């Protein structure tokens, strides 16, 4: 049986700042909500995640490295 592969269809994100929380150290913290829309054999699937800006910058860096590696192979 061949495994179906997910194809990335769309990426969207929202930037936010925590304005209130029961934990005072969380107030003023920035975050990013990321939505990935995937197509798996005609079936659409949304994946949501939230990360800090540091995590997001690392994610973007990793994507750029993957892109560069794929370009080297082609």
PDB file of N, CA and C in Angstrom:
ATOM      1  N   UNK A   1       0.842  -1.179   0.000  1.00  0.00           N
ATOM      2  CA  UNK A   1       0.000   0.000   0.000  1.00  0.00           C
ATOM      3  C   UNK A   1       0.886   1.241   0.000  1.00  0.00           C
ATOM      4  N   UNK A   2       0.606   2.140  -0.928  1.00  0.00           N
ATOM      5  CA  UNK A   2       1.394   3.361  -1.039  1.00  0.00           C
ATOM      6  C   UNK A   2       0.802   4.446  -0.138  1.00  0.00           C
ATOM      7  N   UNK A   3       1.673   5.098   0.616  1.00  0.00           N
ATOM      8  CA  UNK A   3       1.231   6.151   1.518  1.00  0.00           C
ATOM      9  C   UNK A   3       1.017   7.450   0.739  1.00  0.00           C
ATOM     10  N   UNK A   4      -0.123   8.102   0.986  1.00  0.00           N
ATOM     11  CA  UNK A   4      -0.400   9.378   0.334  1.00  0.00           C
ATOM     12  C   UNK A   4       0.458  10.461   0.979  1.00  0.00           C
ATOM     13  N   UNK A   5       0.889  11.410   0.163  1.00  0.00           N
ATOM     14  CA  UNK A   5       1.725  12.496   0.662  1.00  0.00           C
ATOM     15  C   UNK A   5       0.900  13.768   0.768  1.00  0.00           C
ATOM     16  N   UNK A   6       1.171  14.522   1.818  1.00  0.00           N
ATOM     17  CA  UNK A   6       0.526  15.813   1.998  1.00  0.00           C
ATOM     18  C   UNK A   6       1.206  16.842   1.112  1.00  0.00           C
ATOM     19  N   UNK A   7       0.405  17.678   0.474  1.00  0.00           N
ATOM     20  CA  UNK A   7       0.909  18.788  -0.317  1.00  0.00           C
ATOM     21  C   UNK A   7       0.488  20.078   0.366  1.00  0.00           C
ATOM     22  N   UNK A   8       1.440  20.966   0.598  1.00  0.00           N
ATOM     23  CA  UNK A   8       1.144  22.245   1.223  1.00  0.00           C
ATOM     24  C   UNK A   8       0.415  23.134   0.221  1.00  0.00           C
ATOM     25  N   UNK A   9      -0.783  23.580   0.595  1.00  0.00           N
ATOM     26  CA  UNK A   9      -1.615  24.398  -0.281  1.00  0.00           C
ATOM     27  C   UNK A   9      -1.511  25.872   0.099  1.00  0.00           C
ATOM     28  N   UNK A  10      -1.539  26.159   1.401  1.00  0.00           N
ATOM     29  CA  UNK A  10      -1.547  27.546   1.851  1.00  0.00           C
ATOM     30  C   UNK A  10      -0.942  27.642   3.241  1.00  0.00           C
ATOM     31  N   UNK A  11      -0.344  28.802   3.517  1.00  0.00           N
ATOM     32  CA  UNK A  11       0.194  29.111   4.841  1.00  0.00           C
ATOM     33  C   UNK A  11      -0.338  30.485   5.223  1.00  0.00           C
ATOM     34  N   UNK A  12      -0.848  30.606   6.427  1.00  0.00           N
ATOM     35  CA  UNK A  12      -1.256  31.923   6.921  1.00  0.00           C
ATOM     36  C   UNK A  12      -0.840  32.033   8.379  1.00  0.00           C
ATOM     37  N   UNK A  13      -0.667  33.262   8.821  1.00  0.00           N
ATOM     38  CA  UNK A  13      -0.248  33.456  10.195  1.00  0.00           C
ATOM     39  C   UNK A  13      -0.854  34.736  10.747  1.00  0.00           C
ATOM     40  N   UNK A  14      -0.916  34.767  12.082  1.00  0.00           N
ATOM     41  CA  UNK A  14      -1.379  35.943  12.816  1.00  0.00           C
ATOM     42  C   UNK A  14      -0.359  36.221  13.909  1.00  0.00           C
ATOM     43  N   UNK A  15       0.011  37.467  14.028  1.00  0.00           N
ATOM     44  CA  UNK A  15       0.934  37.909  15.061  1.00  0.00           C
ATOM     45  C   UNK A  15       0.110  38.481  16.200  1.00  0.00           C
ATOM     46  N   UNK A  16       0.498  38.181  17.432  1.00  0.00           N
ATOM     47  CA  UNK A  16      -0.257  38.686  18.564  1.00  0.00           C
ATOM     48  C   UNK A  16       0.617  39.038  19.749  1.00  0.00           C
ATOM     49  N   UNK A  17       0.029  39.792  20.653  1.00  0.00           N
ATOM     50  CA  UNK A  17       0.677  40.165  21.911  1.00  0.00           C
ATOM     51  C   UNK A  17      -0.320  39.874  23.021  1.00  0.00           C
ATOM     52  N   UNK A  18       0.122  39.176  24.047  1.00  0.00           N
ATOM     53  CA  UNK A  18      -0.741  38.863  25.180  1.00  0.00           C
ATOM     54  C   UNK A  18      -0.983  40.142  25.969  1.00  0.00           C
ATOM     55  N   UNK A  19      -2.262  40.536  26.086  1.00  0.00           N
ATOM     56  CA  UNK A  19      -2.590  41.779  26.790  1.00  0.00           C
ATOM     57  C   UNK A  19      -3.073  41.542  28.213  1.00  0.00           C
ATOM     58  N   UNK A  20      -3.566  40.342  28.491  1.00  0.00           N
ATOM     59  CA  UNK A  20      -3.968  40.037  29.862  1.00  0.00           C
ATOM     60  C   UNK A  20      -3.841  38.542  30.097  1.00  0.00           C
ATOM     61  N   UNK A  21      -3.517  38.216  31.331  1.00  0.00           N
ATOM     62  CA  UNK A  21      -3.351  36.816  31.709  1.00  0.00           C
ATOM     63  C   UNK A  21      -3.368  36.721  33.220  1.00  0.00           C
ATOM     64  N   UNK A  22      -3.740  35.556  33.722  1.00  0.00           N
ATOM     65  CA  UNK A  22      -3.673  35.341  35.164  1.00  0.00           C
ATOM     66  C   UNK A  22      -2.222  35.186  35.610  1.00  0.00           C
ATOM     67  N   UNK A  23      -1.331  34.977  34.648  1.00  0.00           N
ATOM     68  CA  UNK A  23       0.101  34.885  34.933  1.00  0.00           C
ATOM     69  C   UNK A  23       0.761  36.175  34.448  1.00  0.00           C
ATOM     70  N   UNK A  24       1.174  37.028  35.384  1.00  0.00           N
ATOM     71  CA  UNK A  24       1.660  38.362  35.024  1.00  0.00           C
ATOM     72  C   UNK A  24       2.897  38.334  34.129  1.00  0.00           C
ATOM     73  N   UNK A  25       3.710  37.277  34.201  1.00  0.00           N
ATOM     74  CA  UNK A  25       4.910  37.225  33.352  1.00  0.00           C
ATOM     75  C   UNK A  25       4.568  36.962  31.884  1.00  0.00           C
ATOM     76  N   UNK A  26       3.331  36.564  31.593  1.00  0.00           N
ATOM     77  CA  UNK A  26       2.910  36.304  30.208  1.00  0.00           C
ATOM     78  C   UNK A  26       2.445  37.579  29.493  1.00  0.00           C
ATOM     79  N   UNK A  27       2.051  38.605  30.251  1.00  0.00           N
ATOM     80  CA  UNK A  27       1.540  39.845  29.661  1.00  0.00           C
ATOM     81  C   UNK A  27       2.659  40.533  28.879  1.00  0.00           C
ATOM     82  N   UNK A  28       2.325  40.952  27.655  1.00  0.00           N
ATOM     83  CA  UNK A  28       3.301  41.634  26.804  1.00  0.00           C
ATOM     84  C   UNK A  28       4.135  40.693  25.954  1.00  0.00           C
ATOM     85  N   UNK A  29       3.942  39.401  26.106  1.00  0.00           N
ATOM     86  CA  UNK A  29       4.693  38.423  25.307  1.00  0.00           C
ATOM     87  C   UNK A  29       4.101  38.339  23.904  1.00  0.00           C
ATOM     88  N   UNK A  30       4.987  38.239  22.926  1.00  0.00           N
ATOM     89  CA  UNK A  30       4.550  38.117  21.535  1.00  0.00           C
ATOM     90  C   UNK A  30       4.445  36.643  21.155  1.00  0.00           C
ATOM     91  N   UNK A  31       3.559  36.370  20.215  1.00  0.00           N
ATOM     92  CA  UNK A  31       3.389  34.999  19.735  1.00  0.00           C
ATOM     93  C   UNK A  31       2.926  35.040  18.293  1.00  0.00           C
ATOM     94  N   UNK A  32       2.992  33.908  17.648  1.00  0.00           N
ATOM     95  CA  UNK A  32       2.563  33.793  16.267  1.00  0.00           C
ATOM     96  C   UNK A  32       1.699  32.551  16.131  1.00  0.00           C
ATOM     97  N   UNK A  33       0.518  32.696  15.542  1.00  0.00           N
ATOM     98  CA  UNK A  33      -0.353  31.561  15.261  1.00  0.00           C
ATOM     99  C   UNK A  33      -0.199  31.223  13.787  1.00  0.00           C
ATOM    100  N   UNK A  34       0.151  29.987  13.514  1.00  0.00           N
ATOM    101  CA  UNK A  34       0.432  29.534  12.157  1.00  0.00           C
ATOM    102  C   UNK A  34      -0.619  28.515  11.731  1.00  0.00           C
ATOM    103  N   UNK A  35      -1.127  28.685  10.511  1.00  0.00           N
ATOM    104  CA  UNK A  35      -2.098  27.739   9.946  1.00  0.00           C
ATOM    105  C   UNK A  35      -1.515  27.191   8.645  1.00  0.00           C
ATOM    106  N   UNK A  36      -1.406  25.877   8.564  1.00  0.00           N
ATOM    107  CA  UNK A  36      -0.962  25.203   7.349  1.00  0.00           C
ATOM    108  C   UNK A  36      -2.158  24.472   6.764  1.00  0.00           C
ATOM    109  N   UNK A  37      -2.413  24.683   5.489  1.00  0.00           N
ATOM    110  CA  UNK A  37      -3.492  23.965   4.815  1.00  0.00           C
ATOM    111  C   UNK A  37      -2.855  22.930   3.899  1.00  0.00           C
ATOM    112  N   UNK A  38      -3.212  21.663   4.115  1.00  0.00           N
ATOM    113  CA  UNK A  38      -2.627  20.551   3.379  1.00  0.00           C
ATOM    114  C   UNK A  38      -3.677  19.852   2.533  1.00  0.00           C
ATOM    115  N   UNK A  39      -3.225  19.302   1.424  1.00  0.00           N
ATOM    116  CA  UNK A  39      -4.080  18.478   0.567  1.00  0.00           C
ATOM    117  C   UNK A  39      -3.503  17.069   0.611  1.00  0.00           C
ATOM    118  N   UNK A  40      -4.305  16.133   1.072  1.00  0.00           N
ATOM    119  CA  UNK A  40      -3.884  14.743   1.145  1.00  0.00           C
ATOM    120  C   UNK A  40      -4.814  13.928   0.262  1.00  0.00           C
ATOM    121  N   UNK A  41      -4.431  13.772  -0.989  1.00  0.00           N
ATOM    122  CA  UNK A  41      -5.239  12.987  -1.921  1.00  0.00           C
ATOM    123  C   UNK A  41      -6.625  13.557  -2.145  1.00  0.00           C
ATOM    124  N   UNK A  42      -6.753  14.874  -2.206  1.00  0.00           N
ATOM    125  CA  UNK A  42      -8.042  15.511  -2.424  1.00  0.00           C
ATOM    126  C   UNK A  42      -8.770  15.885  -1.147  1.00  0.00           C
ATOM    127  N   UNK A  43      -8.276  15.428  -0.014  1.00  0.00           N
ATOM    128  CA  UNK A  43      -8.889  15.760   1.267  1.00  0.00           C
ATOM    129  C   UNK A  43      -8.083  16.889   1.910  1.00  0.00           C
ATOM    130  N   UNK A  44      -8.757  18.021   2.159  1.00  0.00           N
ATOM    131  CA  UNK A  44      -8.091  19.176   2.748  1.00  0.00           C
ATOM    132  C   UNK A  44      -8.021  19.023   4.264  1.00  0.00           C
ATOM    133  N   UNK A  45      -6.902  19.464   4.817  1.00  0.00           N
ATOM    134  CA  UNK A  45      -6.695  19.363   6.259  1.00  0.00           C
ATOM    135  C   UNK A  45      -5.984  20.625   6.719  1.00  0.00           C
ATOM    136  N   UNK A  46      -6.475  21.241   7.797  1.00  0.00           N
ATOM    137  CA  UNK A  46      -5.840  22.415   8.384  1.00  0.00           C
ATOM    138  C   UNK A  46      -5.091  22.007   9.641  1.00  0.00           C
ATOM    139  N   UNK A  47      -3.884  22.515   9.770  1.00  0.00           N
ATOM    140  CA  UNK A  47      -3.075  22.279  10.963  1.00  0.00           C
ATOM    141  C   UNK A  47      -2.767  23.633  11.582  1.00  0.00           C
ATOM    142  N   UNK A  48      -3.039  23.765  12.863  1.00  0.00           N
ATOM    143  CA  UNK A  48      -2.816  25.015  13.576  1.00  0.00           C
ATOM    144  C   UNK A  48      -1.735  24.804  14.627  1.00  0.00           C
ATOM    145  N   UNK A  49      -0.893  25.819  14.795  1.00  0.00           N
ATOM    146  CA  UNK A  49       0.105  25.779  15.850  1.00  0.00           C
ATOM    147  C   UNK A  49       0.391  27.198  16.313  1.00  0.00           C
ATOM    148  N   UNK A  50       0.872  27.315  17.529  1.00  0.00           N
ATOM    149  CA  UNK A  50       1.248  28.621  18.067  1.00  0.00           C
ATOM    150  C   UNK A  50       2.692  28.523  18.523  1.00  0.00           C
ATOM    151  N   UNK A  51       3.460  29.557  18.240  1.00  0.00           N
ATOM    152  CA  UNK A  51       4.868  29.545  18.616  1.00  0.00           C
ATOM    153  C   UNK A  51       5.327  30.940  18.996  1.00  0.00           C
ATOM    154  N   UNK A  52       6.442  30.984  19.709  1.00  0.00           N
ATOM    155  CA  UNK A  52       7.056  32.267  20.033  1.00  0.00           C
ATOM    156  C   UNK A  52       7.730  32.806  18.776  1.00  0.00           C
ATOM    157  N   UNK A  53       8.095  34.074  18.805  1.00  0.00           N
ATOM    158  CA  UNK A  53       8.791  34.637  17.645  1.00  0.00           C
ATOM    159  C   UNK A  53      10.129  33.949  17.423  1.00  0.00           C
ATOM    160  N   UNK A  54      10.812  33.595  18.493  1.00  0.00           N
ATOM    161  CA  UNK A  54      12.083  32.877  18.361  1.00  0.00           C
ATOM    162  C   UNK A  54      11.871  31.543  17.656  1.00  0.00           C
ATOM    163  N   UNK A  55      10.844  30.813  18.040  1.00  0.00           N
ATOM    164  CA  UNK A  55      10.533  29.540  17.382  1.00  0.00           C
ATOM    165  C   UNK A  55      10.168  29.758  15.916  1.00  0.00           C
ATOM    166  N   UNK A  56       9.421  30.832  15.628  1.00  0.00           N
ATOM    167  CA  UNK A  56       9.028  31.125  14.252  1.00  0.00           C
ATOM    168  C   UNK A  56      10.252  31.437  13.396  1.00  0.00           C
ATOM    169  N   UNK A  57      11.168  32.254  13.913  1.00  0.00           N
ATOM    170  CA  UNK A  57      12.379  32.578  13.153  1.00  0.00           C
ATOM    171  C   UNK A  57      13.202  31.327  12.887  1.00  0.00           C
ATOM    172  N   UNK A  58      13.259  30.405  13.845  1.00  0.00           N
ATOM    173  CA  UNK A  58      13.977  29.138  13.644  1.00  0.00           C
ATOM    174  C   UNK A  58      13.269  28.312  12.566  1.00  0.00           C
ATOM    175  N   UNK A  59      11.946  28.287  12.605  1.00  0.00           N
ATOM    176  CA  UNK A  59      11.147  27.569  11.613  1.00  0.00           C
ATOM    177  C   UNK A  59      11.424  28.117  10.213  1.00  0.00           C
ATOM    178  N   UNK A  60      11.419  29.445  10.068  1.00  0.00           N
ATOM    179  CA  UNK A  60      11.701  30.070   8.771  1.00  0.00           C
ATOM    180  C   UNK A  60      13.114  29.728   8.320  1.00  0.00           C
ATOM    181  N   UNK A  61      14.064  29.770   9.231  1.00  0.00           N
ATOM    182  CA  UNK A  61      15.450  29.421   8.902  1.00  0.00           C
ATOM    183  C   UNK A  61      15.538  27.978   8.402  1.00  0.00           C
ATOM    184  N   UNK A  62      14.860  27.068   9.086  1.00  0.00           N
ATOM    185  CA  UNK A  62      14.867  25.659   8.673  1.00  0.00           C
ATOM    186  C   UNK A  62      14.224  25.476   7.296  1.00  0.00           C
ATOM    187  N   UNK A  63      13.143  26.221   7.021  1.00  0.00           N
ATOM    188  CA  UNK A  63      12.511  26.152   5.700  1.00  0.00           C
ATOM    189  C   UNK A  63      13.454  26.662   4.610  1.00  0.00           C
ATOM    190  N   UNK A  64      14.184  27.738   4.899  1.00  0.00           N
ATOM    191  CA  UNK A  64      15.136  28.276   3.922  1.00  0.00           C
ATOM    192  C   UNK A  64      16.255  27.276   3.651  1.00  0.00           C
ATOM    193  N   UNK A  65      16.728  26.608   4.700  1.00  0.00           N
ATOM    194  CA  UNK A  65      17.764  25.582   4.519  1.00  0.00           C
ATOM    195  C   UNK A  65      17.238  24.432   3.667  1.00  0.00           C
ATOM    196  N   UNK A  66      16.016  24.001   3.931  1.00  0.00           N
ATOM    197  CA  UNK A  66      15.427  22.911   3.145  1.00  0.00           C
ATOM    198  C   UNK A  66      15.292  23.329   1.684  1.00  0.00           C
ATOM    199  N   UNK A  67      14.856  24.555   1.449  1.00  0.00           N
ATOM    200  CA  UNK A  67      14.720  25.063   0.076  1.00  0.00           C
ATOM    201  C   UNK A  67      16.072  25.063  -0.624  1.00  0.00           C
ATOM    202  N   UNK A  68      17.108  25.545   0.054  1.00  0.00           N
ATOM    203  CA  UNK A  68      18.450  25.578  -0.535  1.00  0.00           C
ATOM    204  C   UNK A  68      18.950  24.174  -0.849  1.00  0.00           C
ATOM    205  N   UNK A  69      18.698  23.230   0.046  1.00  0.00           N
ATOM    206  CA  UNK A  69      19.120  21.847  -0.192  1.00  0.00           C
ATOM    207  C   UNK A  69      18.394  21.241  -1.389  1.00  0.00           C
ATOM    208  N   UNK A  70      17.100  21.529  -1.519  1.00  0.00           N
ATOM    209  CA  UNK A  70      16.340  21.021  -2.662  1.00  0.00           C
ATOM    210  C   UNK A  70      16.834  21.634  -3.971  1.00  0.00           C
ATOM    211  N   UNK A  71      17.208  22.902  -3.934  1.00  0.00           N
ATOM    212  CA  UNK A  71      17.732  23.555  -5.137  1.00  0.00           C
ATOM    213  C   UNK A  71      19.064  22.938  -5.557  1.00  0.00           C
ATOM    214  N   UNK A  72      19.870  22.538  -4.579  1.00  0.00           N
ATOM    215  CA  UNK A  72      21.151  21.895  -4.892  1.00  0.00           C
ATOM    216  C   UNK A  72      20.943  20.550  -5.576  1.00  0.00           C
ATOM    217  N   UNK A  73      19.866  19.856  -5.197  1.00  0.00           N
ATOM    218  CA  UNK A  73      19.599  18.533  -5.750  1.00  0.00           C
ATOM    219  C   UNK A  73      18.978  18.583  -7.141  1.00  0.00           C
ATOM    220  N   UNK A  74      18.393  19.717  -7.502  1.00  0.00           N
ATOM    221  CA  UNK A  74      17.719  19.785  -8.806  1.00  0.00           C
ATOM    222  C   UNK A  74      18.600  20.370  -9.891  1.00  0.00           C
TER     223      UNK A  74
END
